[in-house]
């Protein structure tokens, strides 16, 4: 009888059963994940801050999306950064003629032709005074759409204006 009780005591005293080994392994894995150091989340780099600038038509022209430049266009004296819409306004897009230019007349008239653009970049800005009520209403609609969708990065003034002359060299970059 002594042999039976000592054998039963030996069998019951062992902790190394398959189920116990699995539970101990799970407990160790959970403890490892709970106590291991967490890697810091890396945030994406923010875009460069947008500085409001004063542009003349020659200053605006390089912002046409070529040579990795952003895409800007002007509507009624306000310069919009339309780079997020590069597929529309950048090279090869349907509105590419307007990139780096004053797009007011073309948008008002619903024409994307080059003859809608001011030829002399050093001359006066287009006053749009010959446009009718319907064309001006269409232009206001475009301007509202741009205001909702894109950042205003500056204003367009004619070459030789006081504002263009007062702009610091840093503003013109």
C-alpha atoms as a PDB file:
ATOM      1  CA  UNK A   1       0.000   0.000   0.000  1.00  0.00           C
ATOM      2  CA  UNK A   2       2.847   2.255   0.587  1.00  0.00           C
ATOM      3  CA  UNK A   3       3.894   1.824  -3.021  1.00  0.00           C
ATOM      4  CA  UNK A   4       0.504   2.912  -4.353  1.00  0.00           C
ATOM      5  CA  UNK A   5       0.350   6.090  -2.257  1.00  0.00           C
ATOM      6  CA  UNK A   6       3.896   7.131  -3.115  1.00  0.00           C
ATOM      7  CA  UNK A   7       3.242   6.581  -6.850  1.00  0.00           C
ATOM      8  CA  UNK A   8       0.033   8.645  -6.660  1.00  0.00           C
ATOM      9  CA  UNK A   9       1.868  11.400  -4.836  1.00  0.00           C
ATOM     10  CA  UNK A  10       4.603  11.423  -7.466  1.00  0.00           C
ATOM     11  CA  UNK A  11       2.124  11.618 -10.378  1.00  0.00           C
ATOM     12  CA  UNK A  12       0.105  14.439  -8.811  1.00  0.00           C
ATOM     13  CA  UNK A  13       3.152  16.459  -7.858  1.00  0.00           C
ATOM     14  CA  UNK A  14       4.484  16.883 -11.372  1.00  0.00           C
ATOM     15  CA  UNK A  15       3.720  20.258 -12.908  1.00  0.00           C
ATOM     16  CA  UNK A  16       5.111  19.387 -16.311  1.00  0.00           C
ATOM     17  CA  UNK A  17       1.885  18.328 -17.975  1.00  0.00           C
ATOM     18  CA  UNK A  18       1.301  19.383 -21.589  1.00  0.00           C
ATOM     19  CA  UNK A  19      -1.553  21.754 -20.698  1.00  0.00           C
ATOM     20  CA  UNK A  20       0.485  23.383 -17.930  1.00  0.00           C
ATOM     21  CA  UNK A  21       3.462  23.855 -20.263  1.00  0.00           C
ATOM     22  CA  UNK A  22       1.211  25.549 -22.852  1.00  0.00           C
ATOM     23  CA  UNK A  23      -0.313  27.840 -20.201  1.00  0.00           C
ATOM     24  CA  UNK A  24       3.117  28.780 -18.846  1.00  0.00           C
ATOM     25  CA  UNK A  25       4.377  29.535 -22.387  1.00  0.00           C
ATOM     26  CA  UNK A  26       1.323  31.760 -23.071  1.00  0.00           C
ATOM     27  CA  UNK A  27       1.827  33.548 -19.766  1.00  0.00           C
ATOM     28  CA  UNK A  28       5.470  34.223 -20.627  1.00  0.00           C
ATOM     29  CA  UNK A  29       4.579  35.500 -24.116  1.00  0.00           C
ATOM     30  CA  UNK A  30       1.919  37.842 -22.703  1.00  0.00           C
ATOM     31  CA  UNK A  31       4.353  39.108 -20.067  1.00  0.00           C
ATOM     32  CA  UNK A  32       6.993  39.723 -22.757  1.00  0.00           C
ATOM     33  CA  UNK A  33       4.615  41.769 -24.936  1.00  0.00           C
ATOM     34  CA  UNK A  34       3.256  43.651 -21.935  1.00  0.00           C
ATOM     35  CA  UNK A  35       6.676  44.574 -20.533  1.00  0.00           C
ATOM     36  CA  UNK A  36       8.697  45.058 -23.745  1.00  0.00           C
ATOM     37  CA  UNK A  37       9.491  48.676 -24.696  1.00  0.00           C
ATOM     38  CA  UNK A  38       7.219  50.175 -27.311  1.00  0.00           C
ATOM     39  CA  UNK A  39       8.693  51.766 -30.422  1.00  0.00           C
ATOM     40  CA  UNK A  40       7.855  55.419 -30.784  1.00  0.00           C
ATOM     41  CA  UNK A  41       5.460  56.307 -33.567  1.00  0.00           C
ATOM     42  CA  UNK A  42       7.064  58.413 -36.244  1.00  0.00           C
ATOM     43  CA  UNK A  43       4.878  61.141 -37.639  1.00  0.00           C
ATOM     44  CA  UNK A  44       5.188  62.169 -41.261  1.00  0.00           C
ATOM     45  CA  UNK A  45       7.109  65.363 -41.834  1.00  0.00           C
ATOM     46  CA  UNK A  46       4.742  68.306 -42.141  1.00  0.00           C
ATOM     47  CA  UNK A  47       4.709  70.300 -45.358  1.00  0.00           C
ATOM     48  CA  UNK A  48       6.761  73.455 -45.481  1.00  0.00           C
ATOM     49  CA  UNK A  49       4.889  76.431 -44.064  1.00  0.00           C
ATOM     50  CA  UNK A  50       3.073  78.516 -46.630  1.00  0.00           C
ATOM     51  CA  UNK A  51       4.128  82.129 -46.677  1.00  0.00           C
ATOM     52  CA  UNK A  52       1.832  84.729 -48.201  1.00  0.00           C
ATOM     53  CA  UNK A  53       3.747  86.438 -51.030  1.00  0.00           C
ATOM     54  CA  UNK A  54       3.222  89.251 -53.456  1.00  0.00           C
ATOM     55  CA  UNK A  55       3.595  88.052 -57.038  1.00  0.00           C
ATOM     56  CA  UNK A  56       3.936  89.896 -60.316  1.00  0.00           C
ATOM     57  CA  UNK A  57       3.081  87.944 -63.487  1.00  0.00           C
ATOM     58  CA  UNK A  58       6.780  87.226 -64.221  1.00  0.00           C
ATOM     59  CA  UNK A  59       7.235  86.049 -60.592  1.00  0.00           C
ATOM     60  CA  UNK A  60       4.233  83.728 -60.906  1.00  0.00           C
ATOM     61  CA  UNK A  61       5.205  82.174 -64.249  1.00  0.00           C
ATOM     62  CA  UNK A  62       7.790  79.636 -62.890  1.00  0.00           C
ATOM     63  CA  UNK A  63       5.090  78.082 -60.660  1.00  0.00           C
ATOM     64  CA  UNK A  64       3.755  76.013 -63.536  1.00  0.00           C
ATOM     65  CA  UNK A  65       4.537  72.539 -62.198  1.00  0.00           C
ATOM     66  CA  UNK A  66       7.613  71.991 -64.338  1.00  0.00           C
ATOM     67  CA  UNK A  67      11.016  71.248 -62.784  1.00  0.00           C
ATOM     68  CA  UNK A  68       9.388  69.978 -59.554  1.00  0.00           C
ATOM     69  CA  UNK A  69       7.910  73.428 -58.859  1.00  0.00           C
ATOM     70  CA  UNK A  70       4.506  73.789 -57.190  1.00  0.00           C
ATOM     71  CA  UNK A  71       1.540  74.742 -59.360  1.00  0.00           C
ATOM     72  CA  UNK A  72       0.036  78.193 -58.695  1.00  0.00           C
ATOM     73  CA  UNK A  73      -2.570  80.141 -60.591  1.00  0.00           C
ATOM     74  CA  UNK A  74      -4.251  83.491 -59.981  1.00  0.00           C
ATOM     75  CA  UNK A  75      -7.955  84.289 -59.981  1.00  0.00           C
ATOM     76  CA  UNK A  76      -9.001  87.937 -59.587  1.00  0.00           C
ATOM     77  CA  UNK A  77      -5.722  88.866 -57.919  1.00  0.00           C
ATOM     78  CA  UNK A  78      -5.563  85.938 -55.491  1.00  0.00           C
ATOM     79  CA  UNK A  79      -2.843  83.320 -56.042  1.00  0.00           C
ATOM     80  CA  UNK A  80      -3.900  79.738 -55.249  1.00  0.00           C
ATOM     81  CA  UNK A  81      -1.632  76.740 -54.676  1.00  0.00           C
ATOM     82  CA  UNK A  82      -3.310  74.138 -56.891  1.00  0.00           C
ATOM     83  CA  UNK A  83      -0.471  71.623 -56.535  1.00  0.00           C
ATOM     84  CA  UNK A  84      -2.839  69.005 -55.030  1.00  0.00           C
ATOM     85  CA  UNK A  85      -4.684  69.173 -58.372  1.00  0.00           C
ATOM     86  CA  UNK A  86      -1.468  68.797 -60.397  1.00  0.00           C
ATOM     87  CA  UNK A  87      -3.136  66.256 -62.709  1.00  0.00           C
ATOM     88  CA  UNK A  88      -5.567  69.024 -63.804  1.00  0.00           C
ATOM     89  CA  UNK A  89      -3.370  72.144 -63.647  1.00  0.00           C
ATOM     90  CA  UNK A  90       0.138  70.764 -64.074  1.00  0.00           C
ATOM     91  CA  UNK A  91       1.948  69.849 -67.283  1.00  0.00           C
ATOM     92  CA  UNK A  92      -0.229  67.731 -69.552  1.00  0.00           C
ATOM     93  CA  UNK A  93      -3.434  68.525 -67.649  1.00  0.00           C
ATOM     94  CA  UNK A  94      -6.534  70.056 -69.255  1.00  0.00           C
ATOM     95  CA  UNK A  95      -5.985  73.382 -67.446  1.00  0.00           C
ATOM     96  CA  UNK A  96      -2.177  73.437 -67.900  1.00  0.00           C
ATOM     97  CA  UNK A  97      -2.336  76.772 -69.788  1.00  0.00           C
ATOM     98  CA  UNK A  98      -3.414  78.456 -66.539  1.00  0.00           C
ATOM     99  CA  UNK A  99      -0.486  77.165 -64.438  1.00  0.00           C
ATOM    100  CA  UNK A 100       1.755  80.027 -63.351  1.00  0.00           C
ATOM    101  CA  UNK A 101      -0.607  82.582 -64.878  1.00  0.00           C
ATOM    102  CA  UNK A 102      -3.692  84.696 -64.221  1.00  0.00           C
ATOM    103  CA  UNK A 103      -6.538  82.333 -65.157  1.00  0.00           C
ATOM    104  CA  UNK A 104      -9.370  84.809 -64.516  1.00  0.00           C
ATOM    105  CA  UNK A 105     -10.412  85.561 -68.111  1.00  0.00           C
ATOM    106  CA  UNK A 106     -10.208  81.949 -69.270  1.00  0.00           C
ATOM    107  CA  UNK A 107     -12.249  80.660 -66.330  1.00  0.00           C
ATOM    108  CA  UNK A 108     -14.853  83.419 -66.752  1.00  0.00           C
ATOM    109  CA  UNK A 109     -15.223  82.696 -70.474  1.00  0.00           C
ATOM    110  CA  UNK A 110     -15.042  78.918 -70.115  1.00  0.00           C
ATOM    111  CA  UNK A 111     -12.098  78.761 -72.500  1.00  0.00           C
ATOM    112  CA  UNK A 112      -8.779  77.064 -71.933  1.00  0.00           C
ATOM    113  CA  UNK A 113      -7.131  78.533 -75.018  1.00  0.00           C
ATOM    114  CA  UNK A 114      -3.837  80.400 -74.844  1.00  0.00           C
ATOM    115  CA  UNK A 115      -5.442  83.541 -76.282  1.00  0.00           C
ATOM    116  CA  UNK A 116      -7.300  83.921 -72.953  1.00  0.00           C
ATOM    117  CA  UNK A 117      -3.956  84.611 -71.230  1.00  0.00           C
ATOM    118  CA  UNK A 118      -2.308  88.011 -70.951  1.00  0.00           C
ATOM    119  CA  UNK A 119       0.470  88.158 -73.545  1.00  0.00           C
ATOM    120  CA  UNK A 120       2.595  90.903 -71.964  1.00  0.00           C
ATOM    121  CA  UNK A 121       3.585  89.753 -68.469  1.00  0.00           C
ATOM    122  CA  UNK A 122       5.211  93.125 -67.758  1.00  0.00           C
ATOM    123  CA  UNK A 123       2.083  95.059 -68.751  1.00  0.00           C
ATOM    124  CA  UNK A 124      -0.995  95.899 -66.696  1.00  0.00           C
ATOM    125  CA  UNK A 125      -3.173  93.181 -65.204  1.00  0.00           C
ATOM    126  CA  UNK A 126      -6.404  92.261 -66.977  1.00  0.00           C
ATOM    127  CA  UNK A 127      -9.182  94.359 -65.388  1.00  0.00           C
ATOM    128  CA  UNK A 128     -11.905  92.073 -66.793  1.00  0.00           C
ATOM    129  CA  UNK A 129     -14.021  95.221 -67.285  1.00  0.00           C
ATOM    130  CA  UNK A 130     -15.364  94.007 -70.649  1.00  0.00           C
ATOM    131  CA  UNK A 131     -16.889  90.820 -69.191  1.00  0.00           C
ATOM    132  CA  UNK A 132     -20.653  90.477 -68.868  1.00  0.00           C
ATOM    133  CA  UNK A 133     -22.702  89.547 -65.806  1.00  0.00           C
ATOM    134  CA  UNK A 134     -22.861  85.839 -66.719  1.00  0.00           C
ATOM    135  CA  UNK A 135     -19.101  85.645 -67.174  1.00  0.00           C
ATOM    136  CA  UNK A 136     -18.454  87.423 -63.880  1.00  0.00           C
ATOM    137  CA  UNK A 137     -20.875  85.058 -62.140  1.00  0.00           C
ATOM    138  CA  UNK A 138     -19.016  82.079 -63.631  1.00  0.00           C
ATOM    139  CA  UNK A 139     -15.729  83.565 -62.432  1.00  0.00           C
ATOM    140  CA  UNK A 140     -17.103  84.037 -58.905  1.00  0.00           C
ATOM    141  CA  UNK A 141     -18.150  80.370 -58.925  1.00  0.00           C
ATOM    142  CA  UNK A 142     -14.635  79.298 -59.895  1.00  0.00           C
ATOM    143  CA  UNK A 143     -13.117  81.559 -57.266  1.00  0.00           C
ATOM    144  CA  UNK A 144     -15.405  80.115 -54.601  1.00  0.00           C
ATOM    145  CA  UNK A 145     -14.469  76.565 -55.639  1.00  0.00           C
ATOM    146  CA  UNK A 146     -10.762  77.402 -55.464  1.00  0.00           C
ATOM    147  CA  UNK A 147     -11.208  79.064 -52.046  1.00  0.00           C
ATOM    148  CA  UNK A 148     -12.848  75.927 -50.658  1.00  0.00           C
ATOM    149  CA  UNK A 149     -10.311  73.515 -52.096  1.00  0.00           C
ATOM    150  CA  UNK A 150      -6.908  75.246 -52.261  1.00  0.00           C
ATOM    151  CA  UNK A 151      -4.727  77.512 -50.133  1.00  0.00           C
ATOM    152  CA  UNK A 152      -4.291  81.167 -51.017  1.00  0.00           C
ATOM    153  CA  UNK A 153      -0.523  81.714 -51.094  1.00  0.00           C
ATOM    154  CA  UNK A 154      -0.367  85.304 -52.262  1.00  0.00           C
ATOM    155  CA  UNK A 155      -1.740  88.095 -54.345  1.00  0.00           C
ATOM    156  CA  UNK A 156      -1.043  89.150 -57.899  1.00  0.00           C
ATOM    157  CA  UNK A 157      -0.012  92.735 -58.628  1.00  0.00           C
ATOM    158  CA  UNK A 158       1.280  94.335 -61.793  1.00  0.00           C
ATOM    159  CA  UNK A 159       4.969  94.927 -62.442  1.00  0.00           C
ATOM    160  CA  UNK A 160       6.061  98.302 -61.116  1.00  0.00           C
ATOM    161  CA  UNK A 161       3.245  98.654 -58.574  1.00  0.00           C
ATOM    162  CA  UNK A 162       4.096  99.963 -55.126  1.00  0.00           C
ATOM    163  CA  UNK A 163       3.307  96.562 -53.586  1.00  0.00           C
ATOM    164  CA  UNK A 164       5.635  94.779 -56.018  1.00  0.00           C
ATOM    165  CA  UNK A 165       8.390  97.291 -55.316  1.00  0.00           C
ATOM    166  CA  UNK A 166       7.869  97.044 -51.545  1.00  0.00           C
ATOM    167  CA  UNK A 167       8.144  93.233 -51.543  1.00  0.00           C
ATOM    168  CA  UNK A 168      11.323  92.081 -49.885  1.00  0.00           C
ATOM    169  CA  UNK A 169      13.658  89.795 -51.841  1.00  0.00           C
ATOM    170  CA  UNK A 170      12.604  86.916 -49.534  1.00  0.00           C
ATOM    171  CA  UNK A 171       8.938  87.459 -50.501  1.00  0.00           C
ATOM    172  CA  UNK A 172       9.830  87.183 -54.166  1.00  0.00           C
ATOM    173  CA  UNK A 173      11.495  83.794 -53.736  1.00  0.00           C
END
